[in-house]
Amino acid sequence: MTTTLVFLVGMIALFWFLIVMPQRRRRQQQEALVGELEPGDEILTVGGLLGTVREVGEHEVVLEVAPETRVRIAKTAVSGRKDPEAEATETPETQLP
């Protein structure tokens, strides 16, 4: 009985550390990324669009993907932001177009 209980507690702890904790960390990182968006930031969406943020609303972002071409996307679709400090150290081949 006690070995079964120890095994069950061990499996729950393993599940917690391998599944729940990383998901929680990713969700917090995504919320921080979306909360820090400002006009002028270059971002990548989960759909693969690259562009510059022009407006930030409560639930959506206006993204300029080409000159005078703007699209509205949900904030949850933002995948990443290009770091302006990394731009100085990147070679032209590794920079976003």
PDB file of N, CA and C in Angstrom:
ATOM      1  N   MET A   1       0.824  -1.199   0.000  1.00  0.00           N
ATOM      2  CA  MET A   1       0.000   0.000   0.000  1.00  0.00           C
ATOM      3  C   MET A   1       0.865   1.259   0.000  1.00  0.00           C
ATOM      4  N   THR A   2       1.889   1.287   0.852  1.00  0.00           N
ATOM      5  CA  THR A   2       2.719   2.486   0.928  1.00  0.00           C
ATOM      6  C   THR A   2       3.565   2.666  -0.328  1.00  0.00           C
ATOM      7  N   THR A   3       4.023   1.559  -0.927  1.00  0.00           N
ATOM      8  CA  THR A   3       4.807   1.699  -2.159  1.00  0.00           C
ATOM      9  C   THR A   3       3.938   2.233  -3.296  1.00  0.00           C
ATOM     10  N   THR A   4       2.685   1.833  -3.321  1.00  0.00           N
ATOM     11  CA  THR A   4       1.768   2.343  -4.333  1.00  0.00           C
ATOM     12  C   THR A   4       1.529   3.833  -4.133  1.00  0.00           C
ATOM     13  N   LEU A   5       1.364   4.238  -2.893  1.00  0.00           N
ATOM     14  CA  LEU A   5       1.149   5.653  -2.589  1.00  0.00           C
ATOM     15  C   LEU A   5       2.389   6.479  -2.938  1.00  0.00           C
ATOM     16  N   VAL A   6       3.568   5.975  -2.614  1.00  0.00           N
ATOM     17  CA  VAL A   6       4.812   6.664  -2.946  1.00  0.00           C
ATOM     18  C   VAL A   6       4.957   6.772  -4.462  1.00  0.00           C
ATOM     19  N   PHE A   7       4.648   5.689  -5.165  1.00  0.00           N
ATOM     20  CA  PHE A   7       4.717   5.698  -6.623  1.00  0.00           C
ATOM     21  C   PHE A   7       3.749   6.728  -7.208  1.00  0.00           C
ATOM     22  N   LEU A   8       2.533   6.771  -6.690  1.00  0.00           N
ATOM     23  CA  LEU A   8       1.520   7.715  -7.180  1.00  0.00           C
ATOM     24  C   LEU A   8       1.959   9.159  -6.928  1.00  0.00           C
ATOM     25  N   VAL A   9       2.452   9.451  -5.749  1.00  0.00           N
ATOM     26  CA  VAL A   9       2.931  10.799  -5.427  1.00  0.00           C
ATOM     27  C   VAL A   9       4.126  11.148  -6.318  1.00  0.00           C
ATOM     28  N   GLY A  10       5.000  10.198  -6.544  1.00  0.00           N
ATOM     29  CA  GLY A  10       6.149  10.426  -7.422  1.00  0.00           C
ATOM     30  C   GLY A  10       5.727  10.726  -8.853  1.00  0.00           C
ATOM     31  N   MET A  11       4.738  10.021  -9.349  1.00  0.00           N
ATOM     32  CA  MET A  11       4.247  10.255 -10.712  1.00  0.00           C
ATOM     33  C   MET A  11       3.588  11.628 -10.825  1.00  0.00           C
ATOM     34  N   ILE A  12       2.836  12.020  -9.824  1.00  0.00           N
ATOM     35  CA  ILE A  12       2.207  13.350  -9.833  1.00  0.00           C
ATOM     36  C   ILE A  12       3.278  14.437  -9.808  1.00  0.00           C
ATOM     37  N   ALA A  13       4.301  14.249  -8.969  1.00  0.00           N
ATOM     38  CA  ALA A  13       5.388  15.229  -8.895  1.00  0.00           C
ATOM     39  C   ALA A  13       6.135  15.301 -10.234  1.00  0.00           C
ATOM     40  N   LEU A  14       6.386  14.171 -10.846  1.00  0.00           N
ATOM     41  CA  LEU A  14       7.057  14.135 -12.146  1.00  0.00           C
ATOM     42  C   LEU A  14       6.216  14.841 -13.208  1.00  0.00           C
ATOM     43  N   PHE A  15       4.936  14.571 -13.231  1.00  0.00           N
ATOM     44  CA  PHE A  15       4.009  15.230 -14.160  1.00  0.00           C
ATOM     45  C   PHE A  15       4.057  16.741 -13.943  1.00  0.00           C
ATOM     46  N   TRP A  16       4.035  17.161 -12.706  1.00  0.00           N
ATOM     47  CA  TRP A  16       4.040  18.587 -12.367  1.00  0.00           C
ATOM     48  C   TRP A  16       5.306  19.266 -12.903  1.00  0.00           C
ATOM     49  N   PHE A  17       6.463  18.653 -12.660  1.00  0.00           N
ATOM     50  CA  PHE A  17       7.717  19.286 -13.062  1.00  0.00           C
ATOM     51  C   PHE A  17       7.992  19.192 -14.556  1.00  0.00           C
ATOM     52  N   LEU A  18       7.473  18.180 -15.231  1.00  0.00           N
ATOM     53  CA  LEU A  18       7.736  18.035 -16.660  1.00  0.00           C
ATOM     54  C   LEU A  18       6.685  18.689 -17.554  1.00  0.00           C
ATOM     55  N   ILE A  19       5.476  18.849 -17.061  1.00  0.00           N
ATOM     56  CA  ILE A  19       4.394  19.382 -17.893  1.00  0.00           C
ATOM     57  C   ILE A  19       3.919  20.750 -17.408  1.00  0.00           C
ATOM     58  N   VAL A  20       3.500  20.843 -16.181  1.00  0.00           N
ATOM     59  CA  VAL A  20       2.855  22.057 -15.678  1.00  0.00           C
ATOM     60  C   VAL A  20       3.832  23.211 -15.534  1.00  0.00           C
ATOM     61  N   MET A  21       4.979  22.992 -14.947  1.00  0.00           N
ATOM     62  CA  MET A  21       5.934  24.075 -14.708  1.00  0.00           C
ATOM     63  C   MET A  21       6.423  24.722 -16.015  1.00  0.00           C
ATOM     64  N   PRO A  22       6.845  23.953 -17.021  1.00  0.00           N
ATOM     65  CA  PRO A  22       7.281  24.592 -18.270  1.00  0.00           C
ATOM     66  C   PRO A  22       6.152  25.361 -18.975  1.00  0.00           C
ATOM     67  N   GLN A  23       4.928  24.843 -18.932  1.00  0.00           N
ATOM     68  CA  GLN A  23       3.807  25.555 -19.539  1.00  0.00           C
ATOM     69  C   GLN A  23       3.554  26.867 -18.816  1.00  0.00           C
ATOM     70  N   ARG A  24       3.618  26.852 -17.513  1.00  0.00           N
ATOM     71  CA  ARG A  24       3.413  28.066 -16.731  1.00  0.00           C
ATOM     72  C   ARG A  24       4.487  29.100 -17.061  1.00  0.00           C
ATOM     73  N   ARG A  25       5.729  28.646 -17.181  1.00  0.00           N
ATOM     74  CA  ARG A  25       6.830  29.541 -17.509  1.00  0.00           C
ATOM     75  C   ARG A  25       6.647  30.150 -18.903  1.00  0.00           C
ATOM     76  N   ARG A  26       6.258  29.324 -19.894  1.00  0.00           N
ATOM     77  CA  ARG A  26       6.028  29.842 -21.245  1.00  0.00           C
ATOM     78  C   ARG A  26       4.886  30.851 -21.273  1.00  0.00           C
ATOM     79  N   ARG A  27       3.813  30.574 -20.518  1.00  0.00           N
ATOM     80  CA  ARG A  27       2.677  31.496 -20.476  1.00  0.00           C
ATOM     81  C   ARG A  27       3.090  32.835 -19.867  1.00  0.00           C
ATOM     82  N   GLN A  28       3.890  32.816 -18.820  1.00  0.00           N
ATOM     83  CA  GLN A  28       4.367  34.052 -18.201  1.00  0.00           C
ATOM     84  C   GLN A  28       5.266  34.827 -19.150  1.00  0.00           C
ATOM     85  N   GLN A  29       6.118  34.132 -19.899  1.00  0.00           N
ATOM     86  CA  GLN A  29       6.983  34.803 -20.865  1.00  0.00           C
ATOM     87  C   GLN A  29       6.157  35.436 -21.977  1.00  0.00           C
ATOM     88  N   GLN A  30       5.114  34.728 -22.451  1.00  0.00           N
ATOM     89  CA  GLN A  30       4.248  35.267 -23.500  1.00  0.00           C
ATOM     90  C   GLN A  30       3.498  36.502 -23.002  1.00  0.00           C
ATOM     91  N   GLU A  31       2.975  36.446 -21.788  1.00  0.00           N
ATOM     92  CA  GLU A  31       2.263  37.591 -21.223  1.00  0.00           C
ATOM     93  C   GLU A  31       3.194  38.796 -21.062  1.00  0.00           C
ATOM     94  N   ALA A  32       4.442  38.553 -20.653  1.00  0.00           N
ATOM     95  CA  ALA A  32       5.403  39.640 -20.515  1.00  0.00           C
ATOM     96  C   ALA A  32       5.734  40.239 -21.880  1.00  0.00           C
ATOM     97  N   LEU A  33       5.913  39.383 -22.886  1.00  0.00           N
ATOM     98  CA  LEU A  33       6.207  39.857 -24.230  1.00  0.00           C
ATOM     99  C   LEU A  33       5.086  40.730 -24.773  1.00  0.00           C
ATOM    100  N   VAL A  34       3.858  40.259 -24.644  1.00  0.00           N
ATOM    101  CA  VAL A  34       2.706  41.003 -25.147  1.00  0.00           C
ATOM    102  C   VAL A  34       2.506  42.288 -24.357  1.00  0.00           C
ATOM    103  N   GLY A  35       2.744  42.256 -23.070  1.00  0.00           N
ATOM    104  CA  GLY A  35       2.570  43.442 -22.242  1.00  0.00           C
ATOM    105  C   GLY A  35       3.586  44.536 -22.523  1.00  0.00           C
ATOM    106  N   GLU A  36       4.740  44.167 -23.064  1.00  0.00           N
ATOM    107  CA  GLU A  36       5.797  45.137 -23.323  1.00  0.00           C
ATOM    108  C   GLU A  36       5.806  45.662 -24.748  1.00  0.00           C
ATOM    109  N   LEU A  37       4.861  45.230 -25.587  1.00  0.00           N
ATOM    110  CA  LEU A  37       4.842  45.676 -26.985  1.00  0.00           C
ATOM    111  C   LEU A  37       4.624  47.175 -27.079  1.00  0.00           C
ATOM    112  N   GLU A  38       5.386  47.806 -27.951  1.00  0.00           N
ATOM    113  CA  GLU A  38       5.278  49.245 -28.187  1.00  0.00           C
ATOM    114  C   GLU A  38       5.359  49.500 -29.684  1.00  0.00           C
ATOM    115  N   PRO A  39       4.779  50.584 -30.158  1.00  0.00           N
ATOM    116  CA  PRO A  39       4.936  50.935 -31.567  1.00  0.00           C
ATOM    117  C   PRO A  39       6.415  51.046 -31.928  1.00  0.00           C
ATOM    118  N   GLY A  40       6.760  50.479 -33.068  1.00  0.00           N
ATOM    119  CA  GLY A  40       8.145  50.481 -33.513  1.00  0.00           C
ATOM    120  C   GLY A  40       8.855  49.161 -33.304  1.00  0.00           C
ATOM    121  N   ASP A  41       8.312  48.283 -32.456  1.00  0.00           N
ATOM    122  CA  ASP A  41       8.920  46.974 -32.236  1.00  0.00           C
ATOM    123  C   ASP A  41       8.746  46.107 -33.476  1.00  0.00           C
ATOM    124  N   GLU A  42       9.785  45.355 -33.819  1.00  0.00           N
ATOM    125  CA  GLU A  42       9.688  44.384 -34.906  1.00  0.00           C
ATOM    126  C   GLU A  42       9.348  43.040 -34.284  1.00  0.00           C
ATOM    127  N   ILE A  43       8.290  42.392 -34.813  1.00  0.00           N
ATOM    128  CA  ILE A  43       7.830  41.145 -34.222  1.00  0.00           C
ATOM    129  C   ILE A  43       7.636  40.074 -35.282  1.00  0.00           C
ATOM    130  N   LEU A  44       7.518  38.845 -34.806  1.00  0.00           N
ATOM    131  CA  LEU A  44       7.188  37.686 -35.610  1.00  0.00           C
ATOM    132  C   LEU A  44       5.913  37.099 -35.046  1.00  0.00           C
ATOM    133  N   THR A  45       4.965  36.743 -35.922  1.00  0.00           N
ATOM    134  CA  THR A  45       3.718  36.153 -35.459  1.00  0.00           C
ATOM    135  C   THR A  45       3.800  34.636 -35.559  1.00  0.00           C
ATOM    136  N   VAL A  46       2.870  33.942 -34.922  1.00  0.00           N
ATOM    137  CA  VAL A  46       2.846  32.489 -34.996  1.00  0.00           C
ATOM    138  C   VAL A  46       2.556  32.021 -36.415  1.00  0.00           C
ATOM    139  N   GLY A  47       1.948  32.860 -37.228  1.00  0.00           N
ATOM    140  CA  GLY A  47       1.681  32.533 -38.626  1.00  0.00           C
ATOM    141  C   GLY A  47       2.852  32.805 -39.542  1.00  0.00           C
ATOM    142  N   GLY A  48       3.942  33.369 -39.016  1.00  0.00           N
ATOM    143  CA  GLY A  48       5.131  33.612 -39.801  1.00  0.00           C
ATOM    144  C   GLY A  48       5.238  35.010 -40.380  1.00  0.00           C
ATOM    145  N   LEU A  49       4.317  35.909 -40.047  1.00  0.00           N
ATOM    146  CA  LEU A  49       4.402  37.282 -40.533  1.00  0.00           C
ATOM    147  C   LEU A  49       5.465  38.042 -39.755  1.00  0.00           C
ATOM    148  N   LEU A  50       6.283  38.789 -40.472  1.00  0.00           N
ATOM    149  CA  LEU A  50       7.263  39.670 -39.862  1.00  0.00           C
ATOM    150  C   LEU A  50       6.809  41.091 -40.121  1.00  0.00           C
ATOM    151  N   GLY A  51       6.907  41.943 -39.125  1.00  0.00           N
ATOM    152  CA  GLY A  51       6.494  43.317 -39.341  1.00  0.00           C
ATOM    153  C   GLY A  51       6.812  44.198 -38.155  1.00  0.00           C
ATOM    154  N   THR A  52       6.420  45.461 -38.313  1.00  0.00           N
ATOM    155  CA  THR A  52       6.662  46.477 -37.293  1.00  0.00           C
ATOM    156  C   THR A  52       5.337  46.866 -36.651  1.00  0.00           C
ATOM    157  N   VAL A  53       5.308  46.909 -35.341  1.00  0.00           N
ATOM    158  CA  VAL A  53       4.101  47.294 -34.613  1.00  0.00           C
ATOM    159  C   VAL A  53       3.851  48.780 -34.842  1.00  0.00           C
ATOM    160  N   ARG A  54       2.640  49.123 -35.235  1.00  0.00           N
ATOM    161  CA  ARG A  54       2.266  50.527 -35.433  1.00  0.00           C
ATOM    162  C   ARG A  54       1.303  51.000 -34.358  1.00  0.00           C
ATOM    163  N   GLU A  55       0.388  50.138 -33.903  1.00  0.00           N
ATOM    164  CA  GLU A  55      -0.551  50.484 -32.837  1.00  0.00           C
ATOM    165  C   GLU A  55      -0.730  49.269 -31.937  1.00  0.00           C
ATOM    166  N   VAL A  56      -0.940  49.538 -30.651  1.00  0.00           N
ATOM    167  CA  VAL A  56      -1.193  48.469 -29.694  1.00  0.00           C
ATOM    168  C   VAL A  56      -2.526  48.748 -29.024  1.00  0.00           C
ATOM    169  N   GLY A  57      -3.468  47.816 -29.178  1.00  0.00           N
ATOM    170  CA  GLY A  57      -4.763  47.939 -28.538  1.00  0.00           C
ATOM    171  C   GLY A  57      -4.855  47.004 -27.351  1.00  0.00           C
ATOM    172  N   GLU A  58      -6.056  46.896 -26.813  1.00  0.00           N
ATOM    173  CA  GLU A  58      -6.248  46.039 -25.645  1.00  0.00           C
ATOM    174  C   GLU A  58      -6.082  44.556 -25.988  1.00  0.00           C
ATOM    175  N   HIS A  59      -6.643  44.144 -27.140  1.00  0.00           N
ATOM    176  CA  HIS A  59      -6.596  42.737 -27.520  1.00  0.00           C
ATOM    177  C   HIS A  59      -5.958  42.503 -28.879  1.00  0.00           C
ATOM    178  N   GLU A  60      -5.562  43.564 -29.570  1.00  0.00           N
ATOM    179  CA  GLU A  60      -5.004  43.397 -30.901  1.00  0.00           C
ATOM    180  C   GLU A  60      -3.870  44.380 -31.148  1.00  0.00           C
ATOM    181  N   VAL A  61      -3.118  44.088 -32.203  1.00  0.00           N
ATOM    182  CA  VAL A  61      -1.969  44.895 -32.596  1.00  0.00           C
ATOM    183  C   VAL A  61      -2.095  45.188 -34.084  1.00  0.00           C
ATOM    184  N   VAL A  62      -1.774  46.406 -34.480  1.00  0.00           N
ATOM    185  CA  VAL A  62      -1.714  46.747 -35.897  1.00  0.00           C
ATOM    186  C   VAL A  62      -0.258  46.595 -36.316  1.00  0.00           C
ATOM    187  N   LEU A  63      -0.050  45.737 -37.312  1.00  0.00           N
ATOM    188  CA  LEU A  63       1.287  45.371 -37.745  1.00  0.00           C
ATOM    189  C   LEU A  63       1.496  45.837 -39.181  1.00  0.00           C
ATOM    190  N   GLU A  64       2.580  46.558 -39.433  1.00  0.00           N
ATOM    191  CA  GLU A  64       2.910  46.976 -40.793  1.00  0.00           C
ATOM    192  C   GLU A  64       3.852  45.931 -41.371  1.00  0.00           C
ATOM    193  N   VAL A  65       3.366  45.196 -42.386  1.00  0.00           N
ATOM    194  CA  VAL A  65       4.147  44.112 -42.973  1.00  0.00           C
ATOM    195  C   VAL A  65       4.888  44.544 -44.231  1.00  0.00           C
ATOM    196  N   ALA A  66       4.489  45.654 -44.812  1.00  0.00           N
ATOM    197  CA  ALA A  66       5.146  46.247 -45.979  1.00  0.00           C
ATOM    198  C   ALA A  66       4.803  47.729 -45.936  1.00  0.00           C
ATOM    199  N   PRO A  67       5.509  48.556 -46.694  1.00  0.00           N
ATOM    200  CA  PRO A  67       5.164  49.977 -46.681  1.00  0.00           C
ATOM    201  C   PRO A  67       3.689  50.197 -47.027  1.00  0.00           C
ATOM    202  N   GLU A  68       2.995  50.900 -46.140  1.00  0.00           N
ATOM    203  CA  GLU A  68       1.571  51.219 -46.304  1.00  0.00           C
ATOM    204  C   GLU A  68       0.660  49.994 -46.331  1.00  0.00           C
ATOM    205  N   THR A  69       1.141  48.843 -45.835  1.00  0.00           N
ATOM    206  CA  THR A  69       0.321  47.634 -45.744  1.00  0.00           C
ATOM    207  C   THR A  69       0.254  47.225 -44.283  1.00  0.00           C
ATOM    208  N   ARG A  70      -0.914  47.401 -43.702  1.00  0.00           N
ATOM    209  CA  ARG A  70      -1.078  47.111 -42.274  1.00  0.00           C
ATOM    210  C   ARG A  70      -2.142  46.040 -42.075  1.00  0.00           C
ATOM    211  N   VAL A  71      -1.908  45.178 -41.098  1.00  0.00           N
ATOM    212  CA  VAL A  71      -2.861  44.133 -40.738  1.00  0.00           C
ATOM    213  C   VAL A  71      -3.092  44.177 -39.240  1.00  0.00           C
ATOM    214  N   ARG A  72      -4.303  43.806 -38.841  1.00  0.00           N
ATOM    215  CA  ARG A  72      -4.610  43.689 -37.407  1.00  0.00           C
ATOM    216  C   ARG A  72      -4.463  42.229 -37.026  1.00  0.00           C
ATOM    217  N   ILE A  73      -3.760  41.996 -35.938  1.00  0.00           N
ATOM    218  CA  ILE A  73      -3.598  40.634 -35.443  1.00  0.00           C
ATOM    219  C   ILE A  73      -3.939  40.616 -33.957  1.00  0.00           C
ATOM    220  N   ALA A  74      -4.316  39.453 -33.479  1.00  0.00           N
ATOM    221  CA  ALA A  74      -4.566  39.289 -32.049  1.00  0.00           C
ATOM    222  C   ALA A  74      -3.232  39.297 -31.311  1.00  0.00           C
ATOM    223  N   LYS A  75      -3.225  39.849 -30.119  1.00  0.00           N
ATOM    224  CA  LYS A  75      -1.993  39.874 -29.328  1.00  0.00           C
ATOM    225  C   LYS A  75      -1.482  38.466 -29.053  1.00  0.00           C
ATOM    226  N   THR A  76      -2.400  37.524 -28.951  1.00  0.00           N
ATOM    227  CA  THR A  76      -1.991  36.147 -28.674  1.00  0.00           C
ATOM    228  C   THR A  76      -1.244  35.519 -29.845  1.00  0.00           C
ATOM    229  N   ALA A  77      -1.284  36.155 -31.023  1.00  0.00           N
ATOM    230  CA  ALA A  77      -0.590  35.629 -32.198  1.00  0.00           C
ATOM    231  C   ALA A  77       0.862  36.090 -32.269  1.00  0.00           C
ATOM    232  N   VAL A  78       1.293  36.916 -31.338  1.00  0.00           N
ATOM    233  CA  VAL A  78       2.681  37.386 -31.336  1.00  0.00           C
ATOM    234  C   VAL A  78       3.570  36.262 -30.815  1.00  0.00           C
ATOM    235  N   SER A  79       4.564  35.897 -31.603  1.00  0.00           N
ATOM    236  CA  SER A  79       5.446  34.802 -31.240  1.00  0.00           C
ATOM    237  C   SER A  79       6.752  35.285 -30.621  1.00  0.00           C
ATOM    238  N   GLY A  80       7.275  36.388 -31.131  1.00  0.00           N
ATOM    239  CA  GLY A  80       8.549  36.883 -30.615  1.00  0.00           C
ATOM    240  C   GLY A  80       8.804  38.296 -31.078  1.00  0.00           C
ATOM    241  N   ARG A  81       9.791  38.897 -30.461  1.00  0.00           N
ATOM    242  CA  ARG A  81      10.159  40.269 -30.798  1.00  0.00           C
ATOM    243  C   ARG A  81      11.647  40.285 -31.127  1.00  0.00           C
ATOM    244  N   LYS A  82      11.999  41.063 -32.141  1.00  0.00           N
ATOM    245  CA  LYS A  82      13.400  41.216 -32.495  1.00  0.00           C
ATOM    246  C   LYS A  82      14.033  42.167 -31.502  1.00  0.00           C
ATOM    247  N   ASP A  83      15.132  41.745 -30.940  1.00  0.00           N
ATOM    248  CA  ASP A  83      15.838  42.537 -29.936  1.00  0.00           C
ATOM    249  C   ASP A  83      16.679  43.596 -30.631  1.00  0.00           C
ATOM    250  N   PRO A  84      16.414  44.900 -30.383  1.00  0.00           N
ATOM    251  CA  PRO A  84      17.187  45.943 -31.064  1.00  0.00           C
ATOM    252  C   PRO A  84      18.666  45.925 -30.714  1.00  0.00           C
ATOM    253  N   GLU A  85      19.043  45.462 -29.522  1.00  0.00           N
ATOM    254  CA  GLU A  85      20.445  45.397 -29.146  1.00  0.00           C
ATOM    255  C   GLU A  85      21.171  44.298 -29.901  1.00  0.00           C
ATOM    256  N   ALA A  86      20.460  43.224 -30.245  1.00  0.00           N
ATOM    257  CA  ALA A  86      21.072  42.133 -30.995  1.00  0.00           C
ATOM    258  C   ALA A  86      21.318  42.538 -32.443  1.00  0.00           C
ATOM    259  N   GLU A  87      20.583  43.534 -32.911  1.00  0.00           N
ATOM    260  CA  GLU A  87      20.719  43.976 -34.296  1.00  0.00           C
ATOM    261  C   GLU A  87      22.128  44.468 -34.587  1.00  0.00           C
ATOM    262  N   ALA A  88      22.754  45.114 -33.643  1.00  0.00           N
ATOM    263  CA  ALA A  88      24.092  45.653 -33.850  1.00  0.00           C
ATOM    264  C   ALA A  88      25.130  44.552 -33.985  1.00  0.00           C
ATOM    265  N   THR A  89      24.907  43.389 -33.383  1.00  0.00           N
ATOM    266  CA  THR A  89      25.883  42.306 -33.420  1.00  0.00           C
ATOM    267  C   THR A  89      25.602  41.301 -34.523  1.00  0.00           C
ATOM    268  N   GLU A  90      24.457  41.385 -35.188  1.00  0.00           N
ATOM    269  CA  GLU A  90      24.107  40.427 -36.224  1.00  0.00           C
ATOM    270  C   GLU A  90      24.787  40.781 -37.534  1.00  0.00           C
ATOM    271  N   THR A  91      25.068  39.740 -38.303  1.00  0.00           N
ATOM    272  CA  THR A  91      25.574  39.971 -39.653  1.00  0.00           C
ATOM    273  C   THR A  91      24.380  40.200 -40.567  1.00  0.00           C
ATOM    274  N   PRO A  92      24.571  40.803 -41.726  1.00  0.00           N
ATOM    275  CA  PRO A  92      23.436  41.066 -42.619  1.00  0.00           C
ATOM    276  C   PRO A  92      22.678  39.796 -43.020  1.00  0.00           C
ATOM    277  N   GLU A  93      23.341  38.655 -43.052  1.00  0.00           N
ATOM    278  CA  GLU A  93      22.672  37.409 -43.441  1.00  0.00           C
ATOM    279  C   GLU A  93      21.700  36.915 -42.381  1.00  0.00           C
ATOM    280  N   THR A  94      21.915  37.280 -41.112  1.00  0.00           N
ATOM    281  CA  THR A  94      21.075  36.765 -40.040  1.00  0.00           C
ATOM    282  C   THR A  94      19.982  37.740 -39.620  1.00  0.00           C
ATOM    283  N   GLN A  95      19.977  38.951 -40.178  1.00  0.00           N
ATOM    284  CA  GLN A  95      18.977  39.940 -39.803  1.00  0.00           C
ATOM    285  C   GLN A  95      17.656  39.622 -40.462  1.00  0.00           C
ATOM    286  N   LEU A  96      16.565  40.064 -39.808  1.00  0.00           N
ATOM    287  CA  LEU A  96      15.253  39.927 -40.413  1.00  0.00           C
ATOM    288  C   LEU A  96      15.179  40.815 -41.636  1.00  0.00           C
ATOM    289  N   PRO A  97      14.476  40.385 -42.683  1.00  0.00           N
ATOM    290  CA  PRO A  97      14.377  41.218 -43.891  1.00  0.00           C
ATOM    291  C   PRO A  97      13.588  42.493 -43.634  1.00  0.00           C
TER     292      PRO A  97
END
